[in-house]
Amino acid sequence: MTPRREMTMNALASKLMDRGFAAVFVAGMLSVLCVTTLTSGRTDQPRNSERMQSVKHLTDFPVIEFRRYTIREGERQHFAQYFESYFPEAFEQLGAIALGHFFERNNQVAFTWMRAFHSMDDRAKINALFYYGPLWREHARTLNTLMVDSDNVLLLRPLSPERGVNVLPAVDPVTEPNGAQGVVVAEIFAIKPNAVESFARAAEATFADYRNAGMREAGVLVTLDAQNNFPQLPIRTDGSYLVWLGIASDDKKRETAFAPLVERSSKSLFATDLLRAEPEIVILDPTKRSRLRWIADDLK
């Protein structure tokens, strides 16, 4: 600022002060301070219903990848830290969504996650944008070094529109300081050719029993019969599958209410002669930032 300009500004300030603007200014500042004092002490957080409103635009993701990675021994925690630090928001910005990410309970080298798209066309476009984009180019070497295998992928769709996986709000680092809670269970059924609908009908009573036992159904998904339009990422082609997803509040609920039902139902469902193998039960512990987790009833 030039000396002449500085003098002009000083003169203007003096006139404003002389005309009473000083009083107005002080009164305004006091008002701001009062409002700040009243609001800074508030501890109430957004209600769960309000949090659900924040994700109401994140709907209609019927193309779902159920991805089960094998990680180098002893490196799974590190892989999850890298994954959750860099990638969930990147997918969301591109128009996809990371529905949830987990450690498999009984396989210490397994990291499982689900990614969803609005359509198969979106799957091809978004994967191309991501894997040929700057973020993956920066971190690919680190992540690839930690992975042994990433080809165990089921391409799925909801059994019906209302049985898809809802997008839950992201983990709130303030109100959920301990990260995602609960236990997620995936029951995977390998179904004989042309038997998906028949098996789904046969299994519906079992799924109702799971819900009545206190398991929160998170989705019923079946194989999406579509050509892989991003062949750089393989998907399984070994037959049709149905995946039932449920969430328990804790291990006690899962063990006392759900596990006995699974043991009985697995035998009866296999006896339908509609399955190629006995059902596989995968217990999934949500990693810290997994959207799919156990949260309050009015936020399910």
Protein backbone atom coordinates (compact mmCIF):
# COMPACT_ATOMS: atom_id res chain seq x y z
CA MET A 1 0.00 0.00 0.00
CA THR A 2 1.40 3.44 -0.93
CA PRO A 3 1.86 6.17 1.75
CA ARG A 4 -0.87 8.31 0.10
CA ARG A 5 -3.29 5.36 0.07
CA GLU A 6 -2.51 4.64 3.71
CA MET A 7 -3.27 8.23 4.69
CA THR A 8 -6.60 8.14 2.83
CA MET A 9 -7.64 4.95 4.61
CA ASN A 10 -6.66 6.41 7.99
CA ALA A 11 -8.73 9.50 7.33
CA LEU A 12 -11.75 7.40 6.34
CA ALA A 13 -11.42 5.34 9.49
CA SER A 14 -11.37 8.49 11.61
CA LYS A 15 -14.56 9.80 10.00
CA LEU A 16 -16.35 6.50 10.52
CA MET A 17 -15.38 6.42 14.16
CA ASP A 18 -16.52 10.04 14.60
CA ARG A 19 -19.98 9.23 13.19
CA GLY A 20 -20.73 6.55 15.73
CA PHE A 21 -19.64 3.53 13.78
CA ALA A 22 -17.43 2.57 16.69
CA ALA A 23 -20.48 1.91 18.85
CA VAL A 24 -22.11 -0.14 16.13
CA PHE A 25 -18.95 -2.12 15.63
CA VAL A 26 -18.56 -2.88 19.34
CA ALA A 27 -22.21 -3.89 19.65
CA GLY A 28 -21.84 -6.22 16.68
CA MET A 29 -18.77 -7.83 18.10
CA LEU A 30 -20.49 -8.37 21.44
CA SER A 31 -23.38 -10.09 19.64
CA VAL A 32 -20.98 -12.40 17.84
CA LEU A 33 -19.21 -13.22 21.10
CA CYS A 34 -22.52 -14.03 22.79
CA VAL A 35 -23.61 -16.34 20.00
CA THR A 36 -20.21 -18.02 19.99
CA THR A 37 -20.34 -18.53 23.76
CA LEU A 38 -23.82 -20.05 23.57
CA THR A 39 -23.03 -22.43 20.74
CA SER A 40 -19.47 -23.44 21.60
CA GLY A 41 -20.64 -25.29 24.69
CA ARG A 42 -23.18 -27.42 22.80
CA THR A 43 -22.37 -31.11 22.82
CA ASP A 44 -25.38 -32.50 20.95
CA GLN A 45 -24.42 -34.31 17.75
CA PRO A 46 -26.56 -34.80 14.62
CA ARG A 47 -29.41 -37.21 15.24
CA ASN A 48 -29.24 -40.56 13.50
CA SER A 49 -32.17 -39.67 11.25
CA GLU A 50 -30.29 -36.55 10.16
CA ARG A 51 -27.21 -38.66 9.42
CA MET A 52 -29.29 -40.90 7.17
CA GLN A 53 -30.45 -37.80 5.31
CA SER A 54 -26.80 -37.04 4.58
CA VAL A 55 -26.50 -40.21 2.46
CA LYS A 56 -29.92 -40.21 0.79
CA HIS A 57 -28.21 -39.33 -2.51
CA LEU A 58 -26.05 -42.48 -2.24
CA THR A 59 -28.60 -44.95 -3.56
CA ASP A 60 -29.12 -47.36 -6.44
CA PHE A 61 -25.85 -49.33 -6.45
CA PRO A 62 -27.00 -52.70 -7.89
CA VAL A 63 -23.62 -53.80 -9.29
CA ILE A 64 -21.61 -55.15 -6.37
CA GLU A 65 -18.14 -56.66 -6.17
CA PHE A 66 -17.55 -58.98 -3.19
CA ARG A 67 -13.75 -58.87 -3.09
CA ARG A 68 -11.69 -61.29 -0.95
CA TYR A 69 -7.96 -60.53 -0.93
CA THR A 70 -5.11 -62.63 0.37
CA ILE A 71 -2.58 -60.40 2.14
CA ARG A 72 1.01 -61.20 3.03
CA GLU A 73 1.31 -62.79 6.44
CA GLY A 74 1.56 -60.20 9.19
CA GLU A 75 0.66 -57.29 6.89
CA ARG A 76 -3.14 -57.28 7.02
CA GLN A 77 -3.41 -54.44 9.54
CA HIS A 78 -1.03 -52.33 7.47
CA PHE A 79 -3.01 -53.05 4.30
CA ALA A 80 -6.23 -51.91 6.00
CA GLN A 81 -4.58 -48.71 7.20
CA TYR A 82 -3.40 -47.84 3.70
CA PHE A 83 -6.75 -48.80 2.16
CA GLU A 84 -8.87 -46.76 4.56
CA SER A 85 -6.56 -43.77 4.44
CA TYR A 86 -6.59 -43.34 0.67
CA PHE A 87 -9.40 -45.08 -1.16
CA PRO A 88 -13.01 -44.90 0.19
CA GLU A 89 -13.49 -41.19 -0.60
CA ALA A 90 -11.75 -41.60 -3.95
CA PHE A 91 -14.34 -44.16 -5.07
CA GLU A 92 -17.16 -41.98 -3.78
CA GLN A 93 -15.91 -38.95 -5.69
CA LEU A 94 -15.85 -41.02 -8.89
CA GLY A 95 -19.43 -42.23 -8.41
CA ALA A 96 -18.87 -45.67 -6.84
CA ILE A 97 -19.05 -46.61 -3.17
CA ALA A 98 -17.05 -48.75 -0.75
CA LEU A 99 -19.92 -50.45 1.11
CA GLY A 100 -17.75 -52.02 3.78
CA HIS A 101 -14.33 -53.51 4.53
CA PHE A 102 -13.45 -56.29 6.92
CA PHE A 103 -10.97 -58.72 8.43
CA GLU A 104 -12.05 -62.34 7.99
CA ARG A 105 -12.20 -63.81 11.50
CA ASN A 106 -10.86 -67.29 10.76
CA ASN A 107 -8.33 -66.39 8.08
CA GLN A 108 -5.53 -64.18 9.31
CA VAL A 109 -4.37 -63.24 5.80
CA ALA A 110 -7.81 -62.34 4.39
CA PHE A 111 -9.10 -58.81 3.79
CA THR A 112 -12.62 -58.60 2.35
CA TRP A 113 -14.41 -55.56 1.01
CA MET A 114 -17.41 -54.65 -1.12
CA ARG A 115 -17.49 -52.04 -3.85
CA ALA A 116 -20.66 -51.03 -5.71
CA PHE A 117 -21.57 -49.17 -8.90
CA HIS A 118 -24.72 -47.73 -10.44
CA SER A 119 -24.34 -49.85 -13.59
CA MET A 120 -21.94 -52.09 -15.49
CA ASP A 121 -21.04 -49.15 -17.72
CA ASP A 122 -20.12 -47.19 -14.60
CA ARG A 123 -18.02 -50.11 -13.41
CA ALA A 124 -15.88 -49.97 -16.53
CA LYS A 125 -15.56 -46.17 -16.55
CA ILE A 126 -14.88 -45.71 -12.85
CA ASN A 127 -12.37 -48.54 -12.61
CA ALA A 128 -10.52 -47.07 -15.58
CA LEU A 129 -10.50 -43.62 -14.00
CA PHE A 130 -9.26 -45.00 -10.71
CA TYR A 131 -6.66 -47.55 -11.78
CA TYR A 132 -5.19 -45.32 -14.48
CA GLY A 133 -5.47 -42.22 -12.29
CA PRO A 134 -2.96 -40.40 -10.09
CA LEU A 135 -4.02 -41.77 -6.71
CA TRP A 136 -3.56 -45.43 -7.63
CA ARG A 137 -0.36 -44.65 -9.53
CA GLU A 138 1.03 -43.12 -6.36
CA HIS A 139 0.12 -46.00 -4.04
CA ALA A 140 -0.07 -49.05 -6.33
CA ARG A 141 3.42 -50.31 -5.56
CA THR A 142 2.85 -50.21 -1.80
CA LEU A 143 -0.51 -51.98 -1.94
CA ASN A 144 0.51 -54.52 -4.57
CA THR A 145 3.54 -55.44 -2.48
CA LEU A 146 1.21 -56.35 0.40
CA MET A 147 -1.21 -58.43 -1.70
CA VAL A 148 -0.68 -62.07 -2.61
CA ASP A 149 -3.94 -62.48 -4.53
CA SER A 150 -6.83 -60.18 -5.47
CA ASP A 151 -8.71 -62.34 -8.00
CA ASN A 152 -11.26 -63.94 -5.64
CA VAL A 153 -14.13 -61.65 -6.64
CA LEU A 154 -17.86 -62.35 -6.97
CA LEU A 155 -19.81 -59.99 -9.22
CA LEU A 156 -23.25 -59.72 -7.64
CA ARG A 157 -26.62 -57.96 -7.79
CA PRO A 158 -29.49 -57.74 -5.28
CA LEU A 159 -31.88 -60.69 -5.34
CA SER A 160 -34.62 -58.05 -5.61
CA PRO A 161 -34.47 -54.24 -5.42
CA GLU A 162 -35.31 -54.18 -1.70
CA ARG A 163 -32.62 -56.77 -0.82
CA GLY A 164 -29.63 -54.66 -1.84
CA VAL A 165 -26.98 -53.31 0.55
CA ASN A 166 -27.92 -49.88 1.87
CA VAL A 167 -25.21 -47.26 2.01
CA LEU A 168 -24.79 -46.33 5.68
CA PRO A 169 -23.24 -43.03 6.79
CA ALA A 170 -19.47 -42.95 7.03
CA VAL A 171 -18.01 -43.64 10.47
CA ASP A 172 -18.04 -40.40 12.47
CA PRO A 173 -14.61 -39.89 14.08
CA VAL A 174 -16.17 -37.76 16.86
CA THR A 175 -19.21 -39.82 17.88
CA GLU A 176 -17.64 -43.17 16.97
CA PRO A 177 -14.08 -42.74 18.26
CA ASN A 178 -13.55 -46.51 18.50
CA GLY A 179 -14.47 -47.04 14.87
CA ALA A 180 -16.94 -49.47 13.33
CA GLN A 181 -18.57 -51.91 15.74
CA GLY A 182 -20.49 -55.17 15.46
CA VAL A 183 -19.94 -58.41 13.57
CA VAL A 184 -20.89 -59.01 9.94
CA VAL A 185 -21.64 -62.52 8.68
CA ALA A 186 -21.64 -63.63 5.04
CA GLU A 187 -23.19 -66.98 4.21
CA ILE A 188 -22.12 -67.98 0.71
CA PHE A 189 -24.13 -70.56 -1.23
CA ALA A 190 -22.71 -72.15 -4.40
CA ILE A 191 -25.83 -72.87 -6.46
CA LYS A 192 -26.36 -75.38 -9.23
CA PRO A 193 -27.04 -74.09 -12.77
CA ASN A 194 -30.40 -72.40 -13.31
CA ALA A 195 -31.37 -72.87 -9.66
CA VAL A 196 -30.88 -69.39 -8.16
CA GLU A 197 -34.56 -68.47 -7.92
CA SER A 198 -35.56 -71.91 -6.67
CA PHE A 199 -32.91 -71.86 -3.98
CA ALA A 200 -33.81 -68.32 -2.92
CA ARG A 201 -37.39 -69.41 -2.34
CA ALA A 202 -36.27 -72.50 -0.43
CA ALA A 203 -33.95 -70.42 1.77
CA GLU A 204 -36.39 -67.61 2.60
CA ALA A 205 -37.74 -69.30 5.73
CA THR A 206 -34.17 -69.72 6.98
CA PHE A 207 -33.38 -66.07 6.37
CA ALA A 208 -36.53 -65.10 8.26
CA ASP A 209 -35.32 -67.21 11.20
CA TYR A 210 -32.01 -65.34 11.13
CA ARG A 211 -33.82 -62.01 11.32
CA ASN A 212 -36.12 -63.20 14.10
CA ALA A 213 -33.05 -64.30 16.08
CA GLY A 214 -31.79 -60.72 16.12
CA MET A 215 -29.55 -60.66 13.07
CA ARG A 216 -30.02 -57.54 10.99
CA GLU A 217 -30.22 -58.54 7.35
CA ALA A 218 -27.88 -56.35 5.32
CA GLY A 219 -28.50 -57.79 1.87
CA VAL A 220 -29.28 -60.84 -0.21
CA LEU A 221 -27.13 -60.89 -3.32
CA VAL A 222 -26.88 -63.24 -6.29
CA THR A 223 -24.48 -63.63 -9.19
CA LEU A 224 -24.75 -60.93 -11.84
CA ASP A 225 -24.50 -62.70 -15.18
CA ALA A 226 -22.59 -60.12 -17.19
CA GLN A 227 -19.39 -60.07 -19.18
CA ASN A 228 -16.42 -58.62 -17.35
CA ASN A 229 -16.10 -55.17 -18.95
CA PHE A 230 -12.90 -54.33 -17.05
CA PRO A 231 -10.81 -57.47 -17.59
CA GLN A 232 -7.81 -55.99 -15.78
CA LEU A 233 -9.76 -56.96 -12.63
CA PRO A 234 -10.79 -60.65 -12.90
CA ILE A 235 -14.07 -61.95 -11.55
CA ARG A 236 -15.03 -65.53 -10.77
CA THR A 237 -16.77 -67.54 -13.47
CA ASP A 238 -17.14 -70.83 -11.61
CA GLY A 239 -20.92 -70.76 -11.31
CA SER A 240 -23.80 -69.00 -9.60
CA TYR A 241 -23.78 -67.87 -5.98
CA LEU A 242 -26.14 -66.41 -3.42
CA VAL A 243 -24.67 -64.37 -0.57
CA TRP A 244 -26.69 -63.60 2.54
CA LEU A 245 -25.32 -60.73 4.63
CA GLY A 246 -26.25 -60.11 8.26
CA ILE A 247 -25.04 -57.96 11.14
CA ALA A 248 -24.97 -58.80 14.84
CA SER A 249 -24.44 -56.29 17.61
CA ASP A 250 -21.68 -58.41 19.13
CA ASP A 251 -20.22 -61.90 19.28
CA LYS A 252 -22.52 -62.99 22.11
CA LYS A 253 -25.58 -62.31 19.97
CA ARG A 254 -24.03 -64.06 16.97
CA GLU A 255 -22.98 -67.12 18.95
CA THR A 256 -26.14 -67.60 21.03
CA ALA A 257 -28.84 -66.75 18.49
CA PHE A 258 -27.37 -67.14 15.03
CA ALA A 259 -24.75 -69.89 15.14
CA PRO A 260 -27.16 -72.68 16.21
CA LEU A 261 -29.56 -71.73 13.42
CA VAL A 262 -26.78 -71.84 10.84
CA GLU A 263 -25.66 -75.28 11.94
CA ARG A 264 -29.17 -76.68 11.51
CA SER A 265 -30.11 -74.79 8.36
CA SER A 266 -26.89 -75.59 6.49
CA LYS A 267 -27.77 -79.27 6.49
CA SER A 268 -31.37 -78.71 5.45
CA LEU A 269 -30.49 -76.25 2.68
CA PHE A 270 -27.81 -78.55 1.32
CA ALA A 271 -30.43 -81.31 1.30
CA THR A 272 -32.49 -79.34 -1.23
CA ASP A 273 -30.11 -80.67 -3.90
CA LEU A 274 -29.87 -77.12 -5.29
CA LEU A 275 -26.32 -76.49 -4.04
CA ARG A 276 -22.95 -77.51 -5.47
CA ALA A 277 -21.26 -77.50 -2.06
CA GLU A 278 -22.06 -76.95 1.59
CA PRO A 279 -22.64 -73.29 2.53
CA GLU A 280 -19.59 -71.27 3.55
CA ILE A 281 -19.87 -69.07 6.64
CA VAL A 282 -17.51 -66.09 6.70
CA ILE A 283 -17.32 -64.06 9.91
CA LEU A 284 -16.24 -60.51 9.13
CA ASP A 285 -14.92 -57.99 11.66
CA PRO A 286 -15.44 -54.45 10.32
CA THR A 287 -12.25 -52.47 10.00
CA LYS A 288 -12.19 -49.06 11.64
CA ARG A 289 -13.90 -47.05 8.85
CA SER A 290 -16.27 -49.67 7.42
CA ARG A 291 -19.68 -48.23 6.55
CA LEU A 292 -21.32 -51.64 6.95
CA ARG A 293 -21.39 -52.12 10.71
CA TRP A 294 -23.74 -52.29 13.70
CA ILE A 295 -25.26 -48.91 14.53
CA ALA A 296 -28.35 -47.63 16.34
CA ASP A 297 -31.73 -49.04 15.39
CA ASP A 298 -33.03 -45.87 13.77
CA LEU A 299 -30.00 -45.68 11.53
CA LYS A 300 -30.20 -49.17 10.03
